[in-house]
Amino acid sequence: MQPRLSCLFHRWQETEPAVSLQITELPSYQQQDALQTEHIDIALGFGATSDSLAVESLWHDPVVVVVPHDHALAEAETLTFAAIADCPLVLCNPRVKPGLRVQLDAMLQGAGIDPNPVETADSPAGMIVRVGAGHGLGFLDANHAQTVHRPDVVMVPLAEPEAILTTFALTKREREDAMTPAIRRFIAMGQAGPDAPVADLALQSCPI
């Protein structure tokens, strides 16, 4: 759902035609096994729970609060932790979205908010459905939120410095083979952002 992923994939195909890109959709909890067995070369997500995987930050996005359209907070231009402290929350299941929950739980605990939700969902889409039904508030990164245009929910920025979600590149630790240079270039491209000159990306890749 992140538009930035499409931009990254498109740019890779334009600048690295010799290295084909195959996009595979896997739940977060299956990505780690696929990396270990080298069925995939790199995974993109909100983090890993295994020490055998290398995790590198790609980019950061502000957090938005997903609010039912008829909720008292739906008219707010921005929200604070204090404003949502007493609201029931709908969060993704930590078994299905472990990296996302680690980040959200740390953010909420740091603000003195109990991260135990009234309901859990197996996907952001499931979370949004429950929020739209009035079961509580949810959270998305601003990148994902760009793709959500529904009459039942409103996206309100969470105006707190700590309200950040990080997207990571996950790779098998200590992997060194013919794919390693391409993997490093892909990560460098993601970290540089969509507007970085191609020459700069080449310089970042030279040590590999």
N, C-alpha and C. Protein backbone atom coordinates (compact mmCIF):
# COMPACT_ATOMS: atom_id res chain seq x y z
N MET A 1 0.81 -1.22 0.00
CA MET A 1 0.00 0.00 0.00
C MET A 1 0.85 1.27 0.00
N GLN A 2 2.14 1.18 0.27
CA GLN A 2 2.96 2.39 0.31
C GLN A 2 3.29 2.87 -1.10
N PRO A 3 2.83 4.05 -1.50
CA PRO A 3 3.17 4.55 -2.84
C PRO A 3 4.68 4.65 -3.06
N ARG A 4 5.44 4.89 -2.00
CA ARG A 4 6.89 5.02 -2.17
C ARG A 4 7.51 3.71 -2.65
N LEU A 5 6.90 2.58 -2.31
CA LEU A 5 7.41 1.30 -2.80
C LEU A 5 7.30 1.23 -4.32
N SER A 6 6.18 1.66 -4.86
CA SER A 6 6.02 1.65 -6.31
C SER A 6 7.08 2.51 -6.98
N CYS A 7 7.34 3.68 -6.40
CA CYS A 7 8.36 4.57 -6.95
C CYS A 7 9.74 3.91 -6.92
N LEU A 8 10.05 3.24 -5.80
CA LEU A 8 11.35 2.57 -5.68
C LEU A 8 11.47 1.45 -6.70
N PHE A 9 10.44 0.63 -6.84
CA PHE A 9 10.48 -0.49 -7.79
C PHE A 9 10.63 0.04 -9.23
N HIS A 10 9.89 1.10 -9.54
CA HIS A 10 9.94 1.66 -10.89
C HIS A 10 11.34 2.20 -11.19
N ARG A 11 11.91 2.89 -10.22
CA ARG A 11 13.24 3.46 -10.45
C ARG A 11 14.29 2.37 -10.61
N TRP A 12 14.17 1.32 -9.81
CA TRP A 12 15.12 0.21 -9.94
C TRP A 12 15.08 -0.37 -11.35
N GLN A 13 13.89 -0.60 -11.85
CA GLN A 13 13.76 -1.20 -13.18
C GLN A 13 14.30 -0.28 -14.27
N GLU A 14 14.24 1.03 -14.05
CA GLU A 14 14.77 1.98 -15.03
C GLU A 14 16.30 2.04 -14.99
N THR A 15 16.87 1.99 -13.79
CA THR A 15 18.32 2.22 -13.64
C THR A 15 19.12 0.93 -13.56
N GLU A 16 18.47 -0.20 -13.29
CA GLU A 16 19.17 -1.48 -13.14
C GLU A 16 18.50 -2.54 -14.02
N PRO A 17 18.44 -2.33 -15.34
CA PRO A 17 17.74 -3.29 -16.20
C PRO A 17 18.40 -4.67 -16.24
N ALA A 18 19.68 -4.77 -15.86
CA ALA A 18 20.36 -6.06 -15.90
C ALA A 18 19.99 -6.96 -14.72
N VAL A 19 19.37 -6.39 -13.68
CA VAL A 19 18.97 -7.17 -12.50
C VAL A 19 17.46 -7.13 -12.40
N SER A 20 16.81 -8.22 -12.76
CA SER A 20 15.35 -8.23 -12.79
C SER A 20 14.76 -8.15 -11.39
N LEU A 21 13.58 -7.59 -11.31
CA LEU A 21 12.87 -7.42 -10.04
C LEU A 21 11.61 -8.26 -10.07
N GLN A 22 11.50 -9.17 -9.12
CA GLN A 22 10.27 -9.96 -8.96
C GLN A 22 9.67 -9.61 -7.61
N ILE A 23 8.47 -9.09 -7.61
CA ILE A 23 7.81 -8.66 -6.38
C ILE A 23 6.93 -9.79 -5.86
N THR A 24 7.14 -10.17 -4.63
CA THR A 24 6.39 -11.25 -3.99
C THR A 24 5.71 -10.71 -2.74
N GLU A 25 4.43 -10.97 -2.59
CA GLU A 25 3.70 -10.54 -1.40
C GLU A 25 3.68 -11.66 -0.36
N LEU A 26 4.18 -11.35 0.83
CA LEU A 26 4.20 -12.33 1.92
C LEU A 26 3.79 -11.64 3.22
N PRO A 27 3.05 -12.33 4.08
CA PRO A 27 2.81 -11.78 5.42
C PRO A 27 4.14 -11.60 6.15
N SER A 28 4.17 -10.66 7.07
CA SER A 28 5.41 -10.35 7.79
C SER A 28 6.03 -11.58 8.43
N TYR A 29 5.20 -12.43 9.03
CA TYR A 29 5.75 -13.58 9.75
C TYR A 29 6.31 -14.65 8.81
N GLN A 30 5.98 -14.58 7.50
CA GLN A 30 6.56 -15.51 6.54
C GLN A 30 7.80 -14.96 5.85
N GLN A 31 7.97 -13.63 5.90
CA GLN A 31 9.12 -13.03 5.25
C GLN A 31 10.43 -13.57 5.82
N GLN A 32 10.48 -13.73 7.14
CA GLN A 32 11.74 -14.10 7.77
C GLN A 32 12.19 -15.50 7.36
N ASP A 33 11.25 -16.44 7.28
CA ASP A 33 11.60 -17.79 6.80
C ASP A 33 12.05 -17.75 5.36
N ALA A 34 11.39 -16.94 4.54
CA ALA A 34 11.76 -16.84 3.12
C ALA A 34 13.15 -16.23 2.95
N LEU A 35 13.52 -15.31 3.81
CA LEU A 35 14.87 -14.75 3.76
C LEU A 35 15.91 -15.78 4.17
N GLN A 36 15.62 -16.53 5.22
CA GLN A 36 16.57 -17.53 5.71
C GLN A 36 16.84 -18.60 4.67
N THR A 37 15.82 -19.01 3.96
CA THR A 37 15.98 -20.06 2.94
C THR A 37 16.36 -19.49 1.59
N GLU A 38 16.49 -18.16 1.50
CA GLU A 38 16.88 -17.45 0.29
C GLU A 38 15.88 -17.65 -0.86
N HIS A 39 14.61 -17.85 -0.48
CA HIS A 39 13.55 -17.81 -1.49
C HIS A 39 13.29 -16.38 -1.92
N ILE A 40 13.63 -15.42 -1.06
CA ILE A 40 13.64 -14.01 -1.43
C ILE A 40 14.98 -13.43 -1.00
N ASP A 41 15.37 -12.34 -1.64
CA ASP A 41 16.67 -11.73 -1.37
C ASP A 41 16.58 -10.58 -0.38
N ILE A 42 15.44 -9.92 -0.36
CA ILE A 42 15.26 -8.76 0.52
C ILE A 42 13.78 -8.63 0.85
N ALA A 43 13.50 -8.19 2.06
CA ALA A 43 12.11 -7.95 2.46
C ALA A 43 11.99 -6.50 2.91
N LEU A 44 10.85 -5.92 2.70
CA LEU A 44 10.57 -4.55 3.11
C LEU A 44 9.42 -4.59 4.10
N GLY A 45 9.62 -3.98 5.26
CA GLY A 45 8.58 -4.02 6.27
C GLY A 45 8.92 -3.12 7.44
N PHE A 46 8.21 -3.32 8.54
CA PHE A 46 8.36 -2.46 9.71
C PHE A 46 9.34 -3.02 10.74
N GLY A 47 10.07 -4.09 10.40
CA GLY A 47 11.08 -4.60 11.32
C GLY A 47 11.04 -6.11 11.39
N ALA A 48 12.01 -6.67 12.15
CA ALA A 48 12.14 -8.12 12.29
C ALA A 48 12.29 -8.48 13.75
N THR A 49 12.00 -9.73 14.06
CA THR A 49 12.12 -10.22 15.42
C THR A 49 13.24 -11.26 15.56
N SER A 50 13.99 -11.49 14.49
CA SER A 50 15.04 -12.51 14.49
C SER A 50 16.42 -11.84 14.44
N ASP A 51 17.33 -12.29 15.33
CA ASP A 51 18.69 -11.76 15.33
C ASP A 51 19.49 -12.22 14.12
N SER A 52 19.00 -13.21 13.40
CA SER A 52 19.72 -13.72 12.24
C SER A 52 19.51 -12.87 11.00
N LEU A 53 18.68 -11.82 11.12
CA LEU A 53 18.41 -10.94 9.98
C LEU A 53 19.03 -9.56 10.23
N ALA A 54 19.58 -9.00 9.18
CA ALA A 54 20.07 -7.62 9.24
C ALA A 54 18.92 -6.68 8.91
N VAL A 55 18.79 -5.62 9.69
CA VAL A 55 17.68 -4.68 9.54
C VAL A 55 18.27 -3.29 9.33
N GLU A 56 17.93 -2.66 8.21
CA GLU A 56 18.45 -1.33 7.90
C GLU A 56 17.30 -0.39 7.59
N SER A 57 17.35 0.78 8.19
CA SER A 57 16.30 1.77 7.99
C SER A 57 16.32 2.29 6.56
N LEU A 58 15.14 2.37 5.94
CA LEU A 58 15.00 2.94 4.61
C LEU A 58 14.45 4.36 4.67
N TRP A 59 13.29 4.53 5.30
CA TRP A 59 12.71 5.86 5.41
C TRP A 59 11.76 5.91 6.60
N HIS A 60 11.41 7.14 6.98
CA HIS A 60 10.54 7.39 8.13
C HIS A 60 9.31 8.17 7.67
N ASP A 61 8.19 7.83 8.25
CA ASP A 61 6.94 8.53 7.93
C ASP A 61 6.24 8.95 9.22
N PRO A 62 5.61 10.12 9.23
CA PRO A 62 4.81 10.50 10.39
C PRO A 62 3.59 9.59 10.54
N VAL A 63 3.10 9.50 11.74
CA VAL A 63 1.93 8.66 12.04
C VAL A 63 0.66 9.49 11.91
N VAL A 64 -0.35 8.88 11.33
CA VAL A 64 -1.68 9.49 11.31
C VAL A 64 -2.62 8.61 12.13
N VAL A 65 -3.61 9.24 12.74
CA VAL A 65 -4.62 8.52 13.51
C VAL A 65 -5.81 8.26 12.60
N VAL A 66 -6.25 7.02 12.56
CA VAL A 66 -7.44 6.65 11.78
C VAL A 66 -8.64 6.79 12.71
N VAL A 67 -9.55 7.68 12.35
CA VAL A 67 -10.66 8.06 13.24
C VAL A 67 -11.99 7.79 12.53
N PRO A 68 -12.99 7.23 13.22
CA PRO A 68 -14.32 7.10 12.61
C PRO A 68 -14.84 8.46 12.18
N HIS A 69 -15.53 8.51 11.05
CA HIS A 69 -15.94 9.79 10.48
C HIS A 69 -16.88 10.58 11.39
N ASP A 70 -17.63 9.87 12.26
CA ASP A 70 -18.57 10.55 13.13
C ASP A 70 -18.05 10.70 14.56
N HIS A 71 -16.75 10.48 14.76
CA HIS A 71 -16.13 10.60 16.08
C HIS A 71 -15.90 12.08 16.41
N ALA A 72 -15.87 12.39 17.69
CA ALA A 72 -15.67 13.79 18.11
C ALA A 72 -14.31 14.33 17.65
N LEU A 73 -13.32 13.46 17.44
CA LEU A 73 -11.99 13.92 17.04
C LEU A 73 -11.83 14.03 15.52
N ALA A 74 -12.84 13.64 14.78
CA ALA A 74 -12.72 13.60 13.32
C ALA A 74 -12.55 14.98 12.70
N GLU A 75 -12.97 16.03 13.39
CA GLU A 75 -12.86 17.38 12.85
C GLU A 75 -11.53 18.05 13.18
N ALA A 76 -10.71 17.40 13.99
CA ALA A 76 -9.44 18.01 14.40
C ALA A 76 -8.46 18.08 13.22
N GLU A 77 -7.69 19.15 13.17
CA GLU A 77 -6.66 19.27 12.14
C GLU A 77 -5.45 18.40 12.48
N THR A 78 -5.11 18.32 13.75
CA THR A 78 -4.06 17.43 14.26
C THR A 78 -4.50 16.90 15.61
N LEU A 79 -3.83 15.83 16.05
CA LEU A 79 -4.12 15.26 17.36
C LEU A 79 -2.83 15.13 18.15
N THR A 80 -2.97 15.04 19.47
CA THR A 80 -1.85 14.83 20.37
C THR A 80 -2.07 13.53 21.13
N PHE A 81 -1.02 13.06 21.80
CA PHE A 81 -1.17 11.87 22.64
C PHE A 81 -2.21 12.10 23.73
N ALA A 82 -2.24 13.29 24.29
CA ALA A 82 -3.21 13.59 25.36
C ALA A 82 -4.63 13.46 24.85
N ALA A 83 -4.86 13.86 23.59
CA ALA A 83 -6.22 13.82 23.04
C ALA A 83 -6.73 12.40 22.84
N ILE A 84 -5.82 11.45 22.59
CA ILE A 84 -6.26 10.08 22.30
C ILE A 84 -6.02 9.12 23.47
N ALA A 85 -5.50 9.64 24.58
CA ALA A 85 -5.07 8.78 25.68
C ALA A 85 -6.17 7.89 26.22
N ASP A 86 -7.39 8.38 26.25
CA ASP A 86 -8.50 7.61 26.83
C ASP A 86 -9.37 6.91 25.80
N CYS A 87 -8.95 6.93 24.55
CA CYS A 87 -9.76 6.32 23.49
C CYS A 87 -9.43 4.85 23.31
N PRO A 88 -10.42 4.01 23.04
CA PRO A 88 -10.12 2.60 22.71
C PRO A 88 -9.36 2.54 21.39
N LEU A 89 -8.47 1.53 21.29
CA LEU A 89 -7.61 1.42 20.13
C LEU A 89 -7.85 0.10 19.41
N VAL A 90 -7.70 0.13 18.10
CA VAL A 90 -7.72 -1.07 17.26
C VAL A 90 -6.34 -1.17 16.61
N LEU A 91 -5.60 -2.22 16.94
CA LEU A 91 -4.23 -2.38 16.44
C LEU A 91 -4.10 -3.72 15.71
N CYS A 92 -3.05 -3.82 14.90
CA CYS A 92 -2.81 -5.08 14.20
C CYS A 92 -2.26 -6.13 15.16
N ASN A 93 -2.58 -7.38 14.86
CA ASN A 93 -2.14 -8.52 15.67
C ASN A 93 -0.62 -8.60 15.66
N PRO A 94 0.03 -8.66 16.84
CA PRO A 94 1.50 -8.71 16.86
C PRO A 94 2.08 -9.96 16.23
N ARG A 95 1.30 -11.04 16.13
CA ARG A 95 1.80 -12.25 15.47
C ARG A 95 1.89 -12.04 13.96
N VAL A 96 0.94 -11.29 13.42
CA VAL A 96 0.88 -11.09 11.98
C VAL A 96 1.72 -9.88 11.55
N LYS A 97 1.73 -8.84 12.35
CA LYS A 97 2.48 -7.62 12.06
C LYS A 97 3.42 -7.29 13.22
N PRO A 98 4.41 -8.15 13.47
CA PRO A 98 5.25 -7.95 14.66
C PRO A 98 6.04 -6.65 14.65
N GLY A 99 6.65 -6.30 13.51
CA GLY A 99 7.44 -5.08 13.47
C GLY A 99 6.60 -3.84 13.68
N LEU A 100 5.43 -3.81 13.07
CA LEU A 100 4.53 -2.67 13.23
C LEU A 100 4.11 -2.52 14.67
N ARG A 101 3.76 -3.62 15.33
CA ARG A 101 3.33 -3.55 16.72
C ARG A 101 4.46 -3.15 17.65
N VAL A 102 5.67 -3.61 17.38
CA VAL A 102 6.81 -3.20 18.21
C VAL A 102 6.96 -1.68 18.17
N GLN A 103 6.87 -1.12 16.97
CA GLN A 103 7.04 0.33 16.85
C GLN A 103 5.87 1.09 17.49
N LEU A 104 4.65 0.65 17.22
CA LEU A 104 3.49 1.35 17.79
C LEU A 104 3.43 1.21 19.30
N ASP A 105 3.71 0.00 19.82
CA ASP A 105 3.67 -0.20 21.27
C ASP A 105 4.71 0.68 21.96
N ALA A 106 5.91 0.78 21.39
CA ALA A 106 6.95 1.62 21.98
C ALA A 106 6.52 3.09 21.97
N MET A 107 5.91 3.52 20.87
CA MET A 107 5.44 4.90 20.77
C MET A 107 4.39 5.19 21.83
N LEU A 108 3.42 4.30 21.96
CA LEU A 108 2.33 4.52 22.92
C LEU A 108 2.81 4.44 24.35
N GLN A 109 3.64 3.45 24.66
CA GLN A 109 4.16 3.32 26.02
C GLN A 109 5.00 4.53 26.41
N GLY A 110 5.77 5.04 25.45
CA GLY A 110 6.56 6.23 25.73
C GLY A 110 5.72 7.44 26.05
N ALA A 111 4.49 7.45 25.55
CA ALA A 111 3.56 8.55 25.82
C ALA A 111 2.67 8.25 27.03
N GLY A 112 2.90 7.13 27.70
CA GLY A 112 2.10 6.77 28.87
C GLY A 112 0.74 6.21 28.53
N ILE A 113 0.59 5.68 27.31
CA ILE A 113 -0.69 5.12 26.87
C ILE A 113 -0.60 3.60 26.84
N ASP A 114 -1.60 2.93 27.39
CA ASP A 114 -1.65 1.47 27.39
C ASP A 114 -1.85 0.97 25.96
N PRO A 115 -0.89 0.17 25.43
CA PRO A 115 -1.03 -0.28 24.04
C PRO A 115 -1.93 -1.49 23.86
N ASN A 116 -2.63 -1.93 24.92
CA ASN A 116 -3.53 -3.07 24.78
C ASN A 116 -4.81 -2.63 24.08
N PRO A 117 -5.05 -3.15 22.87
CA PRO A 117 -6.21 -2.69 22.11
C PRO A 117 -7.50 -3.38 22.54
N VAL A 118 -8.62 -2.78 22.20
CA VAL A 118 -9.91 -3.42 22.43
C VAL A 118 -10.14 -4.51 21.39
N GLU A 119 -9.51 -4.36 20.22
CA GLU A 119 -9.60 -5.36 19.16
C GLU A 119 -8.29 -5.39 18.40
N THR A 120 -7.98 -6.55 17.79
CA THR A 120 -6.83 -6.66 16.91
C THR A 120 -7.31 -7.08 15.52
N ALA A 121 -6.51 -6.70 14.52
CA ALA A 121 -6.82 -7.05 13.13
C ALA A 121 -5.59 -7.71 12.51
N ASP A 122 -5.82 -8.49 11.47
CA ASP A 122 -4.71 -9.19 10.81
C ASP A 122 -4.06 -8.37 9.71
N SER A 123 -4.59 -7.17 9.43
CA SER A 123 -4.04 -6.34 8.38
C SER A 123 -4.46 -4.90 8.62
N PRO A 124 -3.75 -3.94 8.02
CA PRO A 124 -4.23 -2.55 8.10
C PRO A 124 -5.64 -2.39 7.55
N ALA A 125 -5.97 -3.14 6.50
CA ALA A 125 -7.33 -3.05 5.95
C ALA A 125 -8.36 -3.49 6.98
N GLY A 126 -8.06 -4.59 7.70
CA GLY A 126 -8.98 -5.05 8.74
C GLY A 126 -9.10 -4.06 9.87
N MET A 127 -7.98 -3.39 10.21
CA MET A 127 -8.01 -2.36 11.24
C MET A 127 -8.92 -1.22 10.81
N ILE A 128 -8.80 -0.79 9.55
CA ILE A 128 -9.59 0.34 9.07
C ILE A 128 -11.08 0.01 9.08
N VAL A 129 -11.43 -1.22 8.72
CA VAL A 129 -12.83 -1.63 8.75
C VAL A 129 -13.40 -1.52 10.17
N ARG A 130 -12.63 -1.97 11.14
CA ARG A 130 -13.09 -1.92 12.54
C ARG A 130 -13.20 -0.48 13.04
N VAL A 131 -12.22 0.36 12.65
CA VAL A 131 -12.31 1.77 13.02
C VAL A 131 -13.54 2.40 12.38
N GLY A 132 -13.77 2.11 11.10
CA GLY A 132 -14.94 2.66 10.42
C GLY A 132 -16.25 2.23 11.06
N ALA A 133 -16.23 1.05 11.68
CA ALA A 133 -17.43 0.57 12.37
C ALA A 133 -17.60 1.19 13.75
N GLY A 134 -16.62 2.01 14.16
CA GLY A 134 -16.75 2.72 15.42
C GLY A 134 -16.17 2.00 16.62
N HIS A 135 -15.30 1.00 16.40
CA HIS A 135 -14.77 0.21 17.51
C HIS A 135 -13.61 0.89 18.23
N GLY A 136 -13.00 1.87 17.63
CA GLY A 136 -11.87 2.54 18.27
C GLY A 136 -11.07 3.33 17.24
N LEU A 137 -9.89 3.81 17.68
CA LEU A 137 -8.97 4.53 16.80
C LEU A 137 -7.85 3.60 16.36
N GLY A 138 -7.28 3.87 15.20
CA GLY A 138 -6.15 3.10 14.71
C GLY A 138 -5.03 4.01 14.26
N PHE A 139 -3.95 3.40 13.76
CA PHE A 139 -2.80 4.18 13.33
C PHE A 139 -2.27 3.65 12.00
N LEU A 140 -1.80 4.58 11.16
CA LEU A 140 -1.12 4.25 9.92
C LEU A 140 0.05 5.19 9.75
N ASP A 141 1.03 4.77 8.94
CA ASP A 141 2.04 5.73 8.51
C ASP A 141 1.42 6.59 7.42
N ALA A 142 1.94 7.80 7.27
CA ALA A 142 1.36 8.75 6.31
C ALA A 142 1.46 8.24 4.88
N ASN A 143 2.48 7.41 4.58
CA ASN A 143 2.63 6.86 3.24
C ASN A 143 1.46 5.95 2.90
N HIS A 144 1.14 5.01 3.81
CA HIS A 144 -0.03 4.16 3.60
C HIS A 144 -1.31 4.99 3.52
N ALA A 145 -1.40 6.00 4.38
CA ALA A 145 -2.64 6.77 4.49
C ALA A 145 -3.00 7.47 3.19
N GLN A 146 -1.99 7.75 2.34
CA GLN A 146 -2.28 8.40 1.05
C GLN A 146 -3.21 7.56 0.18
N THR A 147 -3.22 6.25 0.41
CA THR A 147 -3.99 5.37 -0.46
C THR A 147 -5.40 5.13 0.05
N VAL A 148 -5.74 5.69 1.21
CA VAL A 148 -7.03 5.40 1.84
C VAL A 148 -7.97 6.59 1.67
N HIS A 149 -9.00 6.41 0.89
CA HIS A 149 -10.01 7.45 0.70
C HIS A 149 -11.37 6.78 0.86
N ARG A 150 -11.92 6.89 2.07
CA ARG A 150 -13.17 6.21 2.40
C ARG A 150 -14.09 7.16 3.13
N PRO A 151 -15.39 6.95 3.01
CA PRO A 151 -16.32 7.83 3.71
C PRO A 151 -16.47 7.52 5.19
N ASP A 152 -15.99 6.35 5.64
CA ASP A 152 -16.24 5.94 7.02
C ASP A 152 -15.12 6.30 7.98
N VAL A 153 -13.95 6.74 7.47
CA VAL A 153 -12.83 7.09 8.35
C VAL A 153 -12.19 8.39 7.90
N VAL A 154 -11.50 9.03 8.85
CA VAL A 154 -10.76 10.26 8.59
C VAL A 154 -9.33 10.04 9.07
N MET A 155 -8.35 10.54 8.30
CA MET A 155 -6.94 10.45 8.67
C MET A 155 -6.50 11.78 9.28
N VAL A 156 -6.12 11.76 10.55
CA VAL A 156 -5.71 12.99 11.24
C VAL A 156 -4.26 12.86 11.67
N PRO A 157 -3.38 13.78 11.27
CA PRO A 157 -1.97 13.69 11.67
C PRO A 157 -1.80 13.70 13.19
N LEU A 158 -0.88 12.87 13.68
CA LEU A 158 -0.54 12.84 15.10
C LEU A 158 0.67 13.76 15.29
N ALA A 159 0.42 14.96 15.79
CA ALA A 159 1.44 16.00 15.85
C ALA A 159 2.32 15.85 17.09
N GLU A 160 3.12 14.79 17.10
CA GLU A 160 4.05 14.52 18.19
C GLU A 160 5.40 14.13 17.57
N PRO A 161 6.52 14.64 18.11
CA PRO A 161 7.83 14.30 17.54
C PRO A 161 8.13 12.81 17.51
N GLU A 162 7.60 12.06 18.48
CA GLU A 162 7.87 10.63 18.57
C GLU A 162 6.97 9.81 17.65
N ALA A 163 6.00 10.45 17.02
CA ALA A 163 5.02 9.72 16.21
C ALA A 163 5.58 9.48 14.81
N ILE A 164 6.48 8.51 14.73
CA ILE A 164 7.16 8.17 13.48
C ILE A 164 7.14 6.65 13.31
N LEU A 165 6.88 6.19 12.09
CA LEU A 165 7.01 4.78 11.76
C LEU A 165 8.11 4.62 10.71
N THR A 166 8.98 3.65 10.93
CA THR A 166 10.12 3.44 10.05
C THR A 166 9.90 2.20 9.20
N THR A 167 10.18 2.32 7.91
CA THR A 167 10.17 1.18 7.00
C THR A 167 11.61 0.69 6.85
N PHE A 168 11.80 -0.62 6.98
CA PHE A 168 13.13 -1.22 6.98
C PHE A 168 13.33 -2.15 5.79
N ALA A 169 14.60 -2.34 5.44
CA ALA A 169 15.01 -3.42 4.54
C ALA A 169 15.56 -4.55 5.41
N LEU A 170 15.05 -5.76 5.18
CA LEU A 170 15.48 -6.94 5.93
C LEU A 170 16.24 -7.87 4.99
N THR A 171 17.41 -8.32 5.41
CA THR A 171 18.20 -9.25 4.61
C THR A 171 18.78 -10.32 5.52
N LYS A 172 19.23 -11.41 4.92
CA LYS A 172 19.85 -12.49 5.67
C LYS A 172 21.24 -12.03 6.12
N ARG A 173 21.51 -12.12 7.40
CA ARG A 173 22.78 -11.66 7.94
C ARG A 173 23.94 -12.52 7.41
N GLU A 174 25.05 -11.89 7.13
CA GLU A 174 26.28 -12.54 6.69
C GLU A 174 26.12 -13.26 5.35
N ARG A 175 25.15 -12.84 4.58
CA ARG A 175 25.01 -13.41 3.24
C ARG A 175 26.01 -12.72 2.30
N GLU A 176 26.81 -13.50 1.61
CA GLU A 176 27.76 -12.97 0.63
C GLU A 176 27.74 -13.88 -0.59
N ASP A 177 27.08 -13.41 -1.64
CA ASP A 177 27.04 -14.19 -2.87
C ASP A 177 26.88 -13.22 -4.04
N ALA A 178 26.57 -13.75 -5.21
CA ALA A 178 26.52 -12.93 -6.41
C ALA A 178 25.44 -11.85 -6.35
N MET A 179 24.41 -12.07 -5.52
CA MET A 179 23.32 -11.10 -5.43
C MET A 179 23.64 -9.95 -4.47
N THR A 180 24.65 -10.10 -3.63
CA THR A 180 24.91 -9.13 -2.57
C THR A 180 25.12 -7.70 -3.10
N PRO A 181 25.94 -7.48 -4.15
CA PRO A 181 26.09 -6.10 -4.63
C PRO A 181 24.78 -5.47 -5.08
N ALA A 182 23.92 -6.24 -5.76
CA ALA A 182 22.63 -5.71 -6.20
C ALA A 182 21.75 -5.39 -5.00
N ILE A 183 21.77 -6.24 -3.99
CA ILE A 183 20.99 -5.99 -2.77
C ILE A 183 21.43 -4.69 -2.12
N ARG A 184 22.76 -4.47 -2.06
CA ARG A 184 23.27 -3.25 -1.44
C ARG A 184 22.85 -2.01 -2.25
N ARG A 185 22.87 -2.12 -3.57
CA ARG A 185 22.46 -0.99 -4.40
C ARG A 185 20.97 -0.69 -4.23
N PHE A 186 20.17 -1.75 -4.09
CA PHE A 186 18.74 -1.56 -3.89
C PHE A 186 18.48 -0.82 -2.58
N ILE A 187 19.16 -1.24 -1.51
CA ILE A 187 18.98 -0.58 -0.21
C ILE A 187 19.43 0.87 -0.29
N ALA A 188 20.57 1.12 -0.95
CA ALA A 188 21.06 2.49 -1.09
C ALA A 188 20.05 3.35 -1.84
N MET A 189 19.42 2.79 -2.86
CA MET A 189 18.42 3.53 -3.62
C MET A 189 17.22 3.87 -2.74
N GLY A 190 16.78 2.93 -1.92
CA GLY A 190 15.66 3.19 -1.02
C GLY A 190 15.99 4.24 0.02
N GLN A 191 17.20 4.21 0.56
CA GLN A 191 17.61 5.17 1.57
C GLN A 191 17.79 6.57 0.99
N ALA A 192 18.22 6.65 -0.27
CA ALA A 192 18.49 7.94 -0.88
C ALA A 192 17.23 8.71 -1.19
N GLY A 193 16.13 8.02 -1.43
CA GLY A 193 14.89 8.70 -1.75
C GLY A 193 14.68 8.83 -3.25
N PRO A 194 13.45 9.10 -3.66
CA PRO A 194 13.11 9.10 -5.09
C PRO A 194 13.74 10.22 -5.89
N ASP A 195 14.23 11.28 -5.23
CA ASP A 195 14.74 12.43 -5.97
C ASP A 195 16.26 12.47 -6.03
N ALA A 196 16.94 11.48 -5.47
CA ALA A 196 18.41 11.49 -5.48
C ALA A 196 18.93 11.22 -6.89
N PRO A 197 19.95 11.95 -7.34
CA PRO A 197 20.53 11.69 -8.66
C PRO A 197 21.10 10.29 -8.75
N VAL A 198 21.00 9.68 -9.89
CA VAL A 198 21.53 8.33 -10.09
C VAL A 198 23.02 8.28 -9.82
N ALA A 199 23.75 9.34 -10.17
CA ALA A 199 25.19 9.37 -9.93
C ALA A 199 25.50 9.24 -8.44
N ASP A 200 24.70 9.88 -7.59
CA ASP A 200 24.91 9.77 -6.16
C ASP A 200 24.71 8.34 -5.69
N LEU A 201 23.72 7.65 -6.24
CA LEU A 201 23.46 6.26 -5.87
C LEU A 201 24.65 5.39 -6.26
N ALA A 202 25.25 5.67 -7.41
CA ALA A 202 26.40 4.88 -7.86
C ALA A 202 27.56 5.06 -6.89
N LEU A 203 27.76 6.28 -6.40
CA LEU A 203 28.83 6.52 -5.46
C LEU A 203 28.60 5.76 -4.16
N GLN A 204 27.35 5.71 -3.70
CA GLN A 204 27.05 4.99 -2.47
C GLN A 204 27.34 3.49 -2.65
N SER A 205 27.23 3.01 -3.86
CA SER A 205 27.39 1.57 -4.12
C SER A 205 28.83 1.16 -4.38
N CYS A 206 29.74 2.12 -4.60
CA CYS A 206 31.10 1.78 -4.98
C CYS A 206 31.83 0.87 -4.01
N PRO A 207 31.69 1.02 -2.65
CA PRO A 207 32.45 0.16 -1.75
C PRO A 207 32.03 -1.30 -1.80
N ILE A 208 30.90 -1.62 -2.37
CA ILE A 208 30.41 -2.99 -2.35
C ILE A 208 31.11 -3.83 -3.42
